[in-house]
Amino acid sequence: MTIYTSSFIAEAIRAGILSVPKGQMEAARSSGLTYGQAMRLVILPQAVKIVIPPLGNQFINLVKNSSILAVVAGLDLMYHGDLISSRTFVVFDVYIFVAAFYLILTIPLSFGVGYLEKRLAKSN
């Protein structure tokens, strides 16, 4: 899961950095900043505003995709739901509880991402 998700996160960050106009780096460098200072003080603050929505989506997808891990070998929430339903024969109630728990995990994440987007949009 880490390798799979990290490739998407790296691509989102790369795209965010590349979306900042090249003139920003040229202006920072001509002002006397080193490359590292230009990235840290000029490019990355602009790229973060662009990268927040796709990163938020990736983290929400990571939570939801963890249920697929149970099929392969992981011991996540869905695995334990299957285990409980096979022992108690109460299938519907267990899966409703598991779905509610996934909602409890993902809804605050999505609200947090929305809050960050609005907060960074106001600083423009």
PDB file of N, CA and C in Angstrom:
ATOM      1  N   MET A   1       0.830  -1.191   0.000  1.00  0.00           N
ATOM      2  CA  MET A   1       0.000   0.000   0.000  1.00  0.00           C
ATOM      3  C   MET A   1       0.874   1.253   0.000  1.00  0.00           C
ATOM      4  N   THR A   2       1.976   1.221   0.735  1.00  0.00           N
ATOM      5  CA  THR A   2       2.840   2.385   0.825  1.00  0.00           C
ATOM      6  C   THR A   2       3.481   2.698  -0.513  1.00  0.00           C
ATOM      7  N   ILE A   3       4.006   1.692  -1.166  1.00  0.00           N
ATOM      8  CA  ILE A   3       4.655   1.910  -2.464  1.00  0.00           C
ATOM      9  C   ILE A   3       3.630   2.366  -3.492  1.00  0.00           C
ATOM     10  N   TYR A   4       2.468   1.746  -3.497  1.00  0.00           N
ATOM     11  CA  TYR A   4       1.414   2.102  -4.448  1.00  0.00           C
ATOM     12  C   TYR A   4       0.978   3.553  -4.266  1.00  0.00           C
ATOM     13  N   THR A   5       0.718   3.953  -3.028  1.00  0.00           N
ATOM     14  CA  THR A   5       0.219   5.302  -2.768  1.00  0.00           C
ATOM     15  C   THR A   5       1.324   6.343  -2.891  1.00  0.00           C
ATOM     16  N   SER A   6       2.543   5.988  -2.501  1.00  0.00           N
ATOM     17  CA  SER A   6       3.624   6.964  -2.574  1.00  0.00           C
ATOM     18  C   SER A   6       3.925   7.388  -3.999  1.00  0.00           C
ATOM     19  N   SER A   7       3.712   6.516  -4.956  1.00  0.00           N
ATOM     20  CA  SER A   7       3.935   6.916  -6.354  1.00  0.00           C
ATOM     21  C   SER A   7       2.917   7.971  -6.784  1.00  0.00           C
ATOM     22  N   PHE A   8       1.679   7.843  -6.368  1.00  0.00           N
ATOM     23  CA  PHE A   8       0.674   8.846  -6.692  1.00  0.00           C
ATOM     24  C   PHE A   8       0.950  10.165  -5.972  1.00  0.00           C
ATOM     25  N   ILE A   9       1.387  10.080  -4.725  1.00  0.00           N
ATOM     26  CA  ILE A   9       1.694  11.291  -3.959  1.00  0.00           C
ATOM     27  C   ILE A   9       2.888  12.010  -4.576  1.00  0.00           C
ATOM     28  N   ALA A  10       3.912  11.259  -4.954  1.00  0.00           N
ATOM     29  CA  ALA A  10       5.084  11.871  -5.588  1.00  0.00           C
ATOM     30  C   ALA A  10       4.704  12.549  -6.896  1.00  0.00           C
ATOM     31  N   GLU A  11       3.847  11.934  -7.661  1.00  0.00           N
ATOM     32  CA  GLU A  11       3.415  12.528  -8.930  1.00  0.00           C
ATOM     33  C   GLU A  11       2.606  13.798  -8.686  1.00  0.00           C
ATOM     34  N   ALA A  12       1.768  13.814  -7.676  1.00  0.00           N
ATOM     35  CA  ALA A  12       0.984  15.016  -7.368  1.00  0.00           C
ATOM     36  C   ALA A  12       1.897  16.167  -6.947  1.00  0.00           C
ATOM     37  N   ILE A  13       2.905  15.860  -6.131  1.00  0.00           N
ATOM     38  CA  ILE A  13       3.838  16.899  -5.696  1.00  0.00           C
ATOM     39  C   ILE A  13       4.671  17.395  -6.867  1.00  0.00           C
ATOM     40  N   ARG A  14       5.132  16.496  -7.711  1.00  0.00           N
ATOM     41  CA  ARG A  14       5.904  16.890  -8.887  1.00  0.00           C
ATOM     42  C   ARG A  14       5.088  17.786  -9.802  1.00  0.00           C
ATOM     43  N   ALA A  15       3.837  17.412 -10.029  1.00  0.00           N
ATOM     44  CA  ALA A  15       2.966  18.223 -10.892  1.00  0.00           C
ATOM     45  C   ALA A  15       2.706  19.593 -10.268  1.00  0.00           C
ATOM     46  N   GLY A  16       2.573  19.643  -8.941  1.00  0.00           N
ATOM     47  CA  GLY A  16       2.363  20.921  -8.270  1.00  0.00           C
ATOM     48  C   GLY A  16       3.555  21.844  -8.416  1.00  0.00           C
ATOM     49  N   ILE A  17       4.756  21.285  -8.273  1.00  0.00           N
ATOM     50  CA  ILE A  17       5.971  22.097  -8.420  1.00  0.00           C
ATOM     51  C   ILE A  17       6.125  22.574  -9.853  1.00  0.00           C
ATOM     52  N   LEU A  18       5.842  21.696 -10.809  1.00  0.00           N
ATOM     53  CA  LEU A  18       5.973  22.085 -12.215  1.00  0.00           C
ATOM     54  C   LEU A  18       4.900  23.076 -12.654  1.00  0.00           C
ATOM     55  N   SER A  19       3.800  23.160 -11.912  1.00  0.00           N
ATOM     56  CA  SER A  19       2.738  24.089 -12.299  1.00  0.00           C
ATOM     57  C   SER A  19       3.056  25.536 -11.925  1.00  0.00           C
ATOM     58  N   VAL A  20       4.034  25.736 -11.052  1.00  0.00           N
ATOM     59  CA  VAL A  20       4.461  27.097 -10.715  1.00  0.00           C
ATOM     60  C   VAL A  20       5.258  27.633 -11.907  1.00  0.00           C
ATOM     61  N   PRO A  21       4.942  28.830 -12.371  1.00  0.00           N
ATOM     62  CA  PRO A  21       5.632  29.368 -13.550  1.00  0.00           C
ATOM     63  C   PRO A  21       7.151  29.451 -13.350  1.00  0.00           C
ATOM     64  N   LYS A  22       7.913  29.198 -14.421  1.00  0.00           N
ATOM     65  CA  LYS A  22       9.370  29.201 -14.345  1.00  0.00           C
ATOM     66  C   LYS A  22       9.909  30.577 -13.986  1.00  0.00           C
ATOM     67  N   GLY A  23       9.156  31.610 -14.306  1.00  0.00           N
ATOM     68  CA  GLY A  23       9.580  32.961 -13.978  1.00  0.00           C
ATOM     69  C   GLY A  23       9.723  33.183 -12.480  1.00  0.00           C
ATOM     70  N   GLN A  24       8.999  32.419 -11.678  1.00  0.00           N
ATOM     71  CA  GLN A  24       9.102  32.541 -10.224  1.00  0.00           C
ATOM     72  C   GLN A  24      10.490  32.103  -9.747  1.00  0.00           C
ATOM     73  N   MET A  25      10.976  31.003 -10.292  1.00  0.00           N
ATOM     74  CA  MET A  25      12.311  30.527  -9.926  1.00  0.00           C
ATOM     75  C   MET A  25      13.373  31.492 -10.439  1.00  0.00           C
ATOM     76  N   GLU A  26      13.198  31.972 -11.656  1.00  0.00           N
ATOM     77  CA  GLU A  26      14.169  32.910 -12.226  1.00  0.00           C
ATOM     78  C   GLU A  26      14.224  34.198 -11.410  1.00  0.00           C
ATOM     79  N   ALA A  27      13.069  34.676 -10.984  1.00  0.00           N
ATOM     80  CA  ALA A  27      13.026  35.894 -10.177  1.00  0.00           C
ATOM     81  C   ALA A  27      13.679  35.670  -8.812  1.00  0.00           C
ATOM     82  N   ALA A  28      13.425  34.537  -8.207  1.00  0.00           N
ATOM     83  CA  ALA A  28      14.021  34.239  -6.908  1.00  0.00           C
ATOM     84  C   ALA A  28      15.532  34.110  -7.026  1.00  0.00           C
ATOM     85  N   ARG A  29      15.992  33.436  -8.060  1.00  0.00           N
ATOM     86  CA  ARG A  29      17.438  33.267  -8.253  1.00  0.00           C
ATOM     87  C   ARG A  29      18.114  34.594  -8.569  1.00  0.00           C
ATOM     88  N   SER A  30      17.457  35.445  -9.347  1.00  0.00           N
ATOM     89  CA  SER A  30      18.048  36.745  -9.674  1.00  0.00           C
ATOM     90  C   SER A  30      18.046  37.682  -8.467  1.00  0.00           C
ATOM     91  N   SER A  31      17.220  37.383  -7.476  1.00  0.00           N
ATOM     92  CA  SER A  31      17.208  38.177  -6.242  1.00  0.00           C
ATOM     93  C   SER A  31      18.332  37.778  -5.297  1.00  0.00           C
ATOM     94  N   GLY A  32      19.065  36.743  -5.641  1.00  0.00           N
ATOM     95  CA  GLY A  32      20.194  36.320  -4.833  1.00  0.00           C
ATOM     96  C   GLY A  32      19.936  35.093  -3.990  1.00  0.00           C
ATOM     97  N   LEU A  33      18.793  34.463  -4.114  1.00  0.00           N
ATOM     98  CA  LEU A  33      18.511  33.249  -3.353  1.00  0.00           C
ATOM     99  C   LEU A  33      19.212  32.053  -3.982  1.00  0.00           C
ATOM    100  N   THR A  34      19.638  31.124  -3.146  1.00  0.00           N
ATOM    101  CA  THR A  34      20.180  29.876  -3.678  1.00  0.00           C
ATOM    102  C   THR A  34      19.012  29.036  -4.195  1.00  0.00           C
ATOM    103  N   TYR A  35      19.344  27.927  -4.854  1.00  0.00           N
ATOM    104  CA  TYR A  35      18.285  27.063  -5.376  1.00  0.00           C
ATOM    105  C   TYR A  35      17.413  26.529  -4.244  1.00  0.00           C
ATOM    106  N   GLY A  36      18.043  26.078  -3.163  1.00  0.00           N
ATOM    107  CA  GLY A  36      17.280  25.547  -2.021  1.00  0.00           C
ATOM    108  C   GLY A  36      16.394  26.601  -1.379  1.00  0.00           C
ATOM    109  N   GLN A  37      16.925  27.811  -1.224  1.00  0.00           N
ATOM    110  CA  GLN A  37      16.121  28.892  -0.651  1.00  0.00           C
ATOM    111  C   GLN A  37      14.961  29.251  -1.567  1.00  0.00           C
ATOM    112  N   ALA A  38      15.223  29.282  -2.875  1.00  0.00           N
ATOM    113  CA  ALA A  38      14.163  29.603  -3.831  1.00  0.00           C
ATOM    114  C   ALA A  38      13.051  28.560  -3.782  1.00  0.00           C
ATOM    115  N   MET A  39      13.439  27.300  -3.682  1.00  0.00           N
ATOM    116  CA  MET A  39      12.424  26.241  -3.601  1.00  0.00           C
ATOM    117  C   MET A  39      11.631  26.363  -2.307  1.00  0.00           C
ATOM    118  N   ARG A  40      12.331  26.564  -1.187  1.00  0.00           N
ATOM    119  CA  ARG A  40      11.692  26.587   0.124  1.00  0.00           C
ATOM    120  C   ARG A  40      10.849  27.837   0.345  1.00  0.00           C
ATOM    121  N   LEU A  41      11.298  28.970  -0.137  1.00  0.00           N
ATOM    122  CA  LEU A  41      10.628  30.230   0.169  1.00  0.00           C
ATOM    123  C   LEU A  41       9.678  30.720  -0.921  1.00  0.00           C
ATOM    124  N   VAL A  42       9.882  30.284  -2.162  1.00  0.00           N
ATOM    125  CA  VAL A  42       9.072  30.817  -3.260  1.00  0.00           C
ATOM    126  C   VAL A  42       8.230  29.738  -3.935  1.00  0.00           C
ATOM    127  N   ILE A  43       8.857  28.670  -4.379  1.00  0.00           N
ATOM    128  CA  ILE A  43       8.173  27.661  -5.204  1.00  0.00           C
ATOM    129  C   ILE A  43       7.251  26.772  -4.368  1.00  0.00           C
ATOM    130  N   LEU A  44       7.768  26.193  -3.288  1.00  0.00           N
ATOM    131  CA  LEU A  44       6.964  25.246  -2.505  1.00  0.00           C
ATOM    132  C   LEU A  44       5.722  25.864  -1.867  1.00  0.00           C
ATOM    133  N   PRO A  45       5.774  27.109  -1.334  1.00  0.00           N
ATOM    134  CA  PRO A  45       4.526  27.673  -0.796  1.00  0.00           C
ATOM    135  C   PRO A  45       3.422  27.822  -1.849  1.00  0.00           C
ATOM    136  N   GLN A  46       3.819  28.122  -3.086  1.00  0.00           N
ATOM    137  CA  GLN A  46       2.819  28.207  -4.160  1.00  0.00           C
ATOM    138  C   GLN A  46       2.343  26.823  -4.587  1.00  0.00           C
ATOM    139  N   ALA A  47       3.261  25.864  -4.590  1.00  0.00           N
ATOM    140  CA  ALA A  47       2.907  24.502  -5.014  1.00  0.00           C
ATOM    141  C   ALA A  47       2.003  23.821  -3.997  1.00  0.00           C
ATOM    142  N   VAL A  48       2.166  24.137  -2.708  1.00  0.00           N
ATOM    143  CA  VAL A  48       1.345  23.493  -1.671  1.00  0.00           C
ATOM    144  C   VAL A  48      -0.130  23.802  -1.890  1.00  0.00           C
ATOM    145  N   LYS A  49      -0.443  25.024  -2.275  1.00  0.00           N
ATOM    146  CA  LYS A  49      -1.843  25.386  -2.518  1.00  0.00           C
ATOM    147  C   LYS A  49      -2.444  24.569  -3.655  1.00  0.00           C
ATOM    148  N   ILE A  50      -1.625  24.234  -4.620  1.00  0.00           N
ATOM    149  CA  ILE A  50      -2.099  23.462  -5.770  1.00  0.00           C
ATOM    150  C   ILE A  50      -2.194  21.981  -5.428  1.00  0.00           C
ATOM    151  N   VAL A  51      -1.322  21.506  -4.560  1.00  0.00           N
ATOM    152  CA  VAL A  51      -1.191  20.076  -4.276  1.00  0.00           C
ATOM    153  C   VAL A  51      -2.183  19.580  -3.224  1.00  0.00           C
ATOM    154  N   ILE A  52      -2.730  20.458  -2.407  1.00  0.00           N
ATOM    155  CA  ILE A  52      -3.616  20.022  -1.313  1.00  0.00           C
ATOM    156  C   ILE A  52      -4.793  19.164  -1.798  1.00  0.00           C
ATOM    157  N   PRO A  53      -5.560  19.564  -2.818  1.00  0.00           N
ATOM    158  CA  PRO A  53      -6.695  18.705  -3.225  1.00  0.00           C
ATOM    159  C   PRO A  53      -6.297  17.301  -3.678  1.00  0.00           C
ATOM    160  N   PRO A  54      -5.296  17.138  -4.576  1.00  0.00           N
ATOM    161  CA  PRO A  54      -4.968  15.759  -4.949  1.00  0.00           C
ATOM    162  C   PRO A  54      -4.364  14.944  -3.804  1.00  0.00           C
ATOM    163  N   LEU A  55      -3.606  15.586  -2.924  1.00  0.00           N
ATOM    164  CA  LEU A  55      -3.067  14.844  -1.782  1.00  0.00           C
ATOM    165  C   LEU A  55      -4.177  14.395  -0.837  1.00  0.00           C
ATOM    166  N   GLY A  56      -5.144  15.264  -0.612  1.00  0.00           N
ATOM    167  CA  GLY A  56      -6.280  14.879   0.222  1.00  0.00           C
ATOM    168  C   GLY A  56      -7.029  13.698  -0.362  1.00  0.00           C
ATOM    169  N   ASN A  57      -7.229  13.728  -1.676  1.00  0.00           N
ATOM    170  CA  ASN A  57      -7.902  12.601  -2.328  1.00  0.00           C
ATOM    171  C   ASN A  57      -7.097  11.311  -2.187  1.00  0.00           C
ATOM    172  N   GLN A  58      -5.786  11.408  -2.284  1.00  0.00           N
ATOM    173  CA  GLN A  58      -4.955  10.212  -2.149  1.00  0.00           C
ATOM    174  C   GLN A  58      -5.022   9.625  -0.748  1.00  0.00           C
ATOM    175  N   PHE A  59      -5.032  10.481   0.271  1.00  0.00           N
ATOM    176  CA  PHE A  59      -5.113   9.962   1.634  1.00  0.00           C
ATOM    177  C   PHE A  59      -6.478   9.329   1.908  1.00  0.00           C
ATOM    178  N   ILE A  60      -7.530   9.920   1.365  1.00  0.00           N
ATOM    179  CA  ILE A  60      -8.852   9.314   1.516  1.00  0.00           C
ATOM    180  C   ILE A  60      -8.907   7.982   0.775  1.00  0.00           C
ATOM    181  N   ASN A  61      -8.323   7.927  -0.431  1.00  0.00           N
ATOM    182  CA  ASN A  61      -8.271   6.666  -1.174  1.00  0.00           C
ATOM    183  C   ASN A  61      -7.452   5.616  -0.442  1.00  0.00           C
ATOM    184  N   LEU A  62      -6.404   6.040   0.253  1.00  0.00           N
ATOM    185  CA  LEU A  62      -5.593   5.092   1.014  1.00  0.00           C
ATOM    186  C   LEU A  62      -6.421   4.425   2.104  1.00  0.00           C
ATOM    187  N   VAL A  63      -7.243   5.204   2.790  1.00  0.00           N
ATOM    188  CA  VAL A  63      -8.103   4.628   3.833  1.00  0.00           C
ATOM    189  C   VAL A  63      -9.099   3.651   3.216  1.00  0.00           C
ATOM    190  N   LYS A  64      -9.712   4.058   2.110  1.00  0.00           N
ATOM    191  CA  LYS A  64     -10.714   3.184   1.498  1.00  0.00           C
ATOM    192  C   LYS A  64     -10.088   1.961   0.844  1.00  0.00           C
ATOM    193  N   ASN A  65      -8.893   2.103   0.275  1.00  0.00           N
ATOM    194  CA  ASN A  65      -8.248   0.963  -0.376  1.00  0.00           C
ATOM    195  C   ASN A  65      -7.684  -0.036   0.612  1.00  0.00           C
ATOM    196  N   SER A  66      -7.598   0.346   1.867  1.00  0.00           N
ATOM    197  CA  SER A  66      -7.107  -0.617   2.850  1.00  0.00           C
ATOM    198  C   SER A  66      -8.053  -1.810   2.985  1.00  0.00           C
ATOM    199  N   SER A  67      -9.315  -1.633   2.605  1.00  0.00           N
ATOM    200  CA  SER A  67     -10.241  -2.771   2.668  1.00  0.00           C
ATOM    201  C   SER A  67      -9.878  -3.835   1.637  1.00  0.00           C
ATOM    202  N   ILE A  68      -9.245  -3.423   0.553  1.00  0.00           N
ATOM    203  CA  ILE A  68      -8.811  -4.388  -0.461  1.00  0.00           C
ATOM    204  C   ILE A  68      -7.642  -5.212   0.063  1.00  0.00           C
ATOM    205  N   LEU A  69      -6.885  -4.626   0.982  1.00  0.00           N
ATOM    206  CA  LEU A  69      -5.744  -5.324   1.560  1.00  0.00           C
ATOM    207  C   LEU A  69      -6.170  -6.612   2.259  1.00  0.00           C
ATOM    208  N   ALA A  70      -7.364  -6.638   2.782  1.00  0.00           N
ATOM    209  CA  ALA A  70      -7.848  -7.841   3.473  1.00  0.00           C
ATOM    210  C   ALA A  70      -7.930  -9.031   2.520  1.00  0.00           C
ATOM    211  N   VAL A  71      -8.185  -8.764   1.248  1.00  0.00           N
ATOM    212  CA  VAL A  71      -8.266  -9.846   0.275  1.00  0.00           C
ATOM    213  C   VAL A  71      -6.883 -10.460   0.073  1.00  0.00           C
ATOM    214  N   VAL A  72      -5.846  -9.622   0.077  1.00  0.00           N
ATOM    215  CA  VAL A  72      -4.498 -10.114  -0.181  1.00  0.00           C
ATOM    216  C   VAL A  72      -3.932 -10.821   1.049  1.00  0.00           C
ATOM    217  N   ALA A  73      -3.828 -10.119   2.180  1.00  0.00           N
ATOM    218  CA  ALA A  73      -3.313 -10.763   3.387  1.00  0.00           C
ATOM    219  C   ALA A  73      -3.372  -9.870   4.606  1.00  0.00           C
ATOM    220  N   GLY A  74      -3.799  -8.665   4.467  1.00  0.00           N
ATOM    221  CA  GLY A  74      -3.751  -7.741   5.585  1.00  0.00           C
ATOM    222  C   GLY A  74      -4.833  -7.980   6.608  1.00  0.00           C
ATOM    223  N   LEU A  75      -4.579  -7.518   7.804  1.00  0.00           N
ATOM    224  CA  LEU A  75      -5.535  -7.658   8.887  1.00  0.00           C
ATOM    225  C   LEU A  75      -6.127  -6.278   9.168  1.00  0.00           C
ATOM    226  N   ASP A  76      -7.018  -5.854   8.338  1.00  0.00           N
ATOM    227  CA  ASP A  76      -7.616  -4.531   8.524  1.00  0.00           C
ATOM    228  C   ASP A  76      -9.047  -4.672   9.012  1.00  0.00           C
ATOM    229  N   LEU A  77      -9.771  -3.595   8.949  1.00  0.00           N
ATOM    230  CA  LEU A  77     -11.140  -3.547   9.452  1.00  0.00           C
ATOM    231  C   LEU A  77     -12.059  -4.531   8.713  1.00  0.00           C
ATOM    232  N   MET A  78     -11.928  -4.596   7.411  1.00  0.00           N
ATOM    233  CA  MET A  78     -12.792  -5.493   6.634  1.00  0.00           C
ATOM    234  C   MET A  78     -12.501  -6.964   6.960  1.00  0.00           C
ATOM    235  N   TYR A  79     -11.233  -7.279   7.176  1.00  0.00           N
ATOM    236  CA  TYR A  79     -10.876  -8.651   7.544  1.00  0.00           C
ATOM    237  C   TYR A  79     -11.551  -9.048   8.852  1.00  0.00           C
ATOM    238  N   HIS A  80     -11.482  -8.162   9.824  1.00  0.00           N
ATOM    239  CA  HIS A  80     -12.097  -8.474  11.113  1.00  0.00           C
ATOM    240  C   HIS A  80     -13.622  -8.523  11.009  1.00  0.00           C
ATOM    241  N   GLY A  81     -14.192  -7.699  10.126  1.00  0.00           N
ATOM    242  CA  GLY A  81     -15.630  -7.782   9.892  1.00  0.00           C
ATOM    243  C   GLY A  81     -16.019  -9.130   9.317  1.00  0.00           C
ATOM    244  N   ASP A  82     -15.217  -9.630   8.363  1.00  0.00           N
ATOM    245  CA  ASP A  82     -15.473 -10.962   7.806  1.00  0.00           C
ATOM    246  C   ASP A  82     -15.341 -12.039   8.877  1.00  0.00           C
ATOM    247  N   LEU A  83     -14.339 -11.885   9.718  1.00  0.00           N
ATOM    248  CA  LEU A  83     -14.111 -12.862  10.779  1.00  0.00           C
ATOM    249  C   LEU A  83     -15.285 -12.904  11.751  1.00  0.00           C
ATOM    250  N   ILE A  84     -15.762 -11.747  12.163  1.00  0.00           N
ATOM    251  CA  ILE A  84     -16.890 -11.689  13.101  1.00  0.00           C
ATOM    252  C   ILE A  84     -18.161 -12.224  12.464  1.00  0.00           C
ATOM    253  N   SER A  85     -18.416 -11.860  11.197  1.00  0.00           N
ATOM    254  CA  SER A  85     -19.650 -12.313  10.543  1.00  0.00           C
ATOM    255  C   SER A  85     -19.646 -13.817  10.307  1.00  0.00           C
ATOM    256  N   SER A  86     -18.478 -14.403  10.093  1.00  0.00           N
ATOM    257  CA  SER A  86     -18.440 -15.857   9.885  1.00  0.00           C
ATOM    258  C   SER A  86     -18.642 -16.617  11.201  1.00  0.00           C
ATOM    259  N   ARG A  87     -18.290 -16.001  12.316  1.00  0.00           N
ATOM    260  CA  ARG A  87     -18.457 -16.677  13.607  1.00  0.00           C
ATOM    261  C   ARG A  87     -19.849 -16.467  14.189  1.00  0.00           C
ATOM    262  N   THR A  88     -20.434 -15.308  13.953  1.00  0.00           N
ATOM    263  CA  THR A  88     -21.724 -15.003  14.587  1.00  0.00           C
ATOM    264  C   THR A  88     -22.903 -15.168  13.640  1.00  0.00           C
ATOM    265  N   PHE A  89     -22.650 -15.274  12.355  1.00  0.00           N
ATOM    266  CA  PHE A  89     -23.685 -15.404  11.327  1.00  0.00           C
ATOM    267  C   PHE A  89     -24.599 -14.177  11.270  1.00  0.00           C
ATOM    268  N   VAL A  90     -24.098 -13.040  11.749  1.00  0.00           N
ATOM    269  CA  VAL A  90     -24.817 -11.766  11.653  1.00  0.00           C
ATOM    270  C   VAL A  90     -24.064 -10.936  10.616  1.00  0.00           C
ATOM    271  N   VAL A  91     -24.356 -11.194   9.359  1.00  0.00           N
ATOM    272  CA  VAL A  91     -23.561 -10.610   8.287  1.00  0.00           C
ATOM    273  C   VAL A  91     -23.933  -9.152   8.044  1.00  0.00           C
ATOM    274  N   PHE A  92     -25.190  -8.865   7.869  1.00  0.00           N
ATOM    275  CA  PHE A  92     -25.629  -7.521   7.486  1.00  0.00           C
ATOM    276  C   PHE A  92     -25.240  -6.475   8.530  1.00  0.00           C
ATOM    277  N   ASP A  93     -25.491  -6.776   9.792  1.00  0.00           N
ATOM    278  CA  ASP A  93     -25.181  -5.820  10.864  1.00  0.00           C
ATOM    279  C   ASP A  93     -23.684  -5.532  10.955  1.00  0.00           C
ATOM    280  N   VAL A  94     -22.885  -6.567  10.789  1.00  0.00           N
ATOM    281  CA  VAL A  94     -21.432  -6.384  10.873  1.00  0.00           C
ATOM    282  C   VAL A  94     -20.949  -5.500   9.730  1.00  0.00           C
ATOM    283  N   TYR A  95     -21.437  -5.739   8.526  1.00  0.00           N
ATOM    284  CA  TYR A  95     -20.986  -4.934   7.388  1.00  0.00           C
ATOM    285  C   TYR A  95     -21.501  -3.501   7.464  1.00  0.00           C
ATOM    286  N   ILE A  96     -22.662  -3.297   8.031  1.00  0.00           N
ATOM    287  CA  ILE A  96     -23.150  -1.926   8.256  1.00  0.00           C
ATOM    288  C   ILE A  96     -22.230  -1.215   9.243  1.00  0.00           C
ATOM    289  N   PHE A  97     -21.812  -1.917  10.291  1.00  0.00           N
ATOM    290  CA  PHE A  97     -20.890  -1.332  11.268  1.00  0.00           C
ATOM    291  C   PHE A  97     -19.543  -1.009  10.624  1.00  0.00           C
ATOM    292  N   VAL A  98     -19.038  -1.902   9.799  1.00  0.00           N
ATOM    293  CA  VAL A  98     -17.758  -1.662   9.114  1.00  0.00           C
ATOM    294  C   VAL A  98     -17.883  -0.462   8.178  1.00  0.00           C
ATOM    295  N   ALA A  99     -18.978  -0.380   7.435  1.00  0.00           N
ATOM    296  CA  ALA A  99     -19.182   0.769   6.538  1.00  0.00           C
ATOM    297  C   ALA A  99     -19.274   2.071   7.331  1.00  0.00           C
ATOM    298  N   ALA A 100     -19.964   2.034   8.460  1.00  0.00           N
ATOM    299  CA  ALA A 100     -20.066   3.233   9.302  1.00  0.00           C
ATOM    300  C   ALA A 100     -18.695   3.634   9.836  1.00  0.00           C
ATOM    301  N   PHE A 101     -17.885   2.660  10.174  1.00  0.00           N
ATOM    302  CA  PHE A 101     -16.551   2.970  10.681  1.00  0.00           C
ATOM    303  C   PHE A 101     -15.680   3.588   9.591  1.00  0.00           C
ATOM    304  N   TYR A 102     -15.789   3.088   8.350  1.00  0.00           N
ATOM    305  CA  TYR A 102     -15.062   3.709   7.239  1.00  0.00           C
ATOM    306  C   TYR A 102     -15.548   5.150   7.022  1.00  0.00           C
ATOM    307  N   LEU A 103     -16.837   5.379   7.168  1.00  0.00           N
ATOM    308  CA  LEU A 103     -17.344   6.756   7.069  1.00  0.00           C
ATOM    309  C   LEU A 103     -16.776   7.635   8.177  1.00  0.00           C
ATOM    310  N   ILE A 104     -16.674   7.079   9.374  1.00  0.00           N
ATOM    311  CA  ILE A 104     -16.106   7.831  10.496  1.00  0.00           C
ATOM    312  C   ILE A 104     -14.649   8.198  10.211  1.00  0.00           C
ATOM    313  N   LEU A 105     -13.944   7.345   9.486  1.00  0.00           N
ATOM    314  CA  LEU A 105     -12.561   7.642   9.137  1.00  0.00           C
ATOM    315  C   LEU A 105     -12.438   8.638   7.987  1.00  0.00           C
ATOM    316  N   THR A 106     -13.287   8.513   6.970  1.00  0.00           N
ATOM    317  CA  THR A 106     -13.096   9.318   5.759  1.00  0.00           C
ATOM    318  C   THR A 106     -13.772  10.683   5.813  1.00  0.00           C
ATOM    319  N   ILE A 107     -14.879  10.820   6.495  1.00  0.00           N
ATOM    320  CA  ILE A 107     -15.567  12.122   6.519  1.00  0.00           C
ATOM    321  C   ILE A 107     -14.722  13.196   7.199  1.00  0.00           C
ATOM    322  N   PRO A 108     -14.115  12.955   8.358  1.00  0.00           N
ATOM    323  CA  PRO A 108     -13.241  14.007   8.909  1.00  0.00           C
ATOM    324  C   PRO A 108     -12.051  14.328   8.002  1.00  0.00           C
ATOM    325  N   LEU A 109     -11.524  13.299   7.328  1.00  0.00           N
ATOM    326  CA  LEU A 109     -10.446  13.565   6.386  1.00  0.00           C
ATOM    327  C   LEU A 109     -10.889  14.496   5.267  1.00  0.00           C
ATOM    328  N   SER A 110     -12.055  14.246   4.703  1.00  0.00           N
ATOM    329  CA  SER A 110     -12.526  15.095   3.611  1.00  0.00           C
ATOM    330  C   SER A 110     -12.856  16.497   4.096  1.00  0.00           C
ATOM    331  N   PHE A 111     -13.413  16.628   5.306  1.00  0.00           N
ATOM    332  CA  PHE A 111     -13.654  17.966   5.857  1.00  0.00           C
ATOM    333  C   PHE A 111     -12.338  18.694   6.119  1.00  0.00           C
ATOM    334  N   GLY A 112     -11.345  17.970   6.586  1.00  0.00           N
ATOM    335  CA  GLY A 112     -10.037  18.575   6.822  1.00  0.00           C
ATOM    336  C   GLY A 112      -9.395  19.078   5.550  1.00  0.00           C
ATOM    337  N   VAL A 113      -9.505  18.303   4.486  1.00  0.00           N
ATOM    338  CA  VAL A 113      -8.956  18.724   3.201  1.00  0.00           C
ATOM    339  C   VAL A 113      -9.717  19.946   2.680  1.00  0.00           C
ATOM    340  N   GLY A 114     -11.032  19.940   2.818  1.00  0.00           N
ATOM    341  CA  GLY A 114     -11.825  21.095   2.398  1.00  0.00           C
ATOM    342  C   GLY A 114     -11.466  22.343   3.178  1.00  0.00           C
ATOM    343  N   TYR A 115     -11.232  22.182   4.487  1.00  0.00           N
ATOM    344  CA  TYR A 115     -10.830  23.316   5.320  1.00  0.00           C
ATOM    345  C   TYR A 115      -9.484  23.871   4.867  1.00  0.00           C
ATOM    346  N   LEU A 116      -8.520  22.972   4.599  1.00  0.00           N
ATOM    347  CA  LEU A 116      -7.215  23.424   4.128  1.00  0.00           C
ATOM    348  C   LEU A 116      -7.313  24.155   2.793  1.00  0.00           C
ATOM    349  N   GLU A 117      -8.135  23.622   1.889  1.00  0.00           N
ATOM    350  CA  GLU A 117      -8.309  24.286   0.592  1.00  0.00           C
ATOM    351  C   GLU A 117      -8.859  25.692   0.768  1.00  0.00           C
ATOM    352  N   LYS A 118      -9.890  25.852   1.594  1.00  0.00           N
ATOM    353  CA  LYS A 118     -10.490  27.172   1.812  1.00  0.00           C
ATOM    354  C   LYS A 118      -9.518  28.113   2.503  1.00  0.00           C
ATOM    355  N   ARG A 119      -8.788  27.597   3.467  1.00  0.00           N
ATOM    356  CA  ARG A 119      -7.855  28.446   4.206  1.00  0.00           C
ATOM    357  C   ARG A 119      -6.717  28.919   3.306  1.00  0.00           C
ATOM    358  N   LEU A 120      -6.205  28.042   2.460  1.00  0.00           N
ATOM    359  CA  LEU A 120      -5.128  28.444   1.558  1.00  0.00           C
ATOM    360  C   LEU A 120      -5.642  29.330   0.421  1.00  0.00           C
ATOM    361  N   ALA A 121      -6.904  29.182   0.053  1.00  0.00           N
ATOM    362  CA  ALA A 121      -7.464  30.023  -1.006  1.00  0.00           C
ATOM    363  C   ALA A 121      -7.630  31.464  -0.505  1.00  0.00           C
ATOM    364  N   LYS A 122      -7.914  31.633   0.791  1.00  0.00           N
ATOM    365  CA  LYS A 122      -8.067  32.981   1.345  1.00  0.00           C
ATOM    366  C   LYS A 122      -6.752  33.733   1.409  1.00  0.00           C
ATOM    367  N   SER A 123      -5.639  33.017   1.471  1.00  0.00           N
ATOM    368  CA  SER A 123      -4.347  33.676   1.602  1.00  0.00           C
ATOM    369  C   SER A 123      -3.811  34.199   0.272  1.00  0.00           C
ATOM    370  N   ASN A 124      -4.545  33.995  -0.812  1.00  0.00           N
ATOM    371  CA  ASN A 124      -4.098  34.510  -2.122  1.00  0.00           C
ATOM    372  C   ASN A 124      -4.220  35.989  -2.182  1.00  0.00           C
TER     373      ASN A 124
END
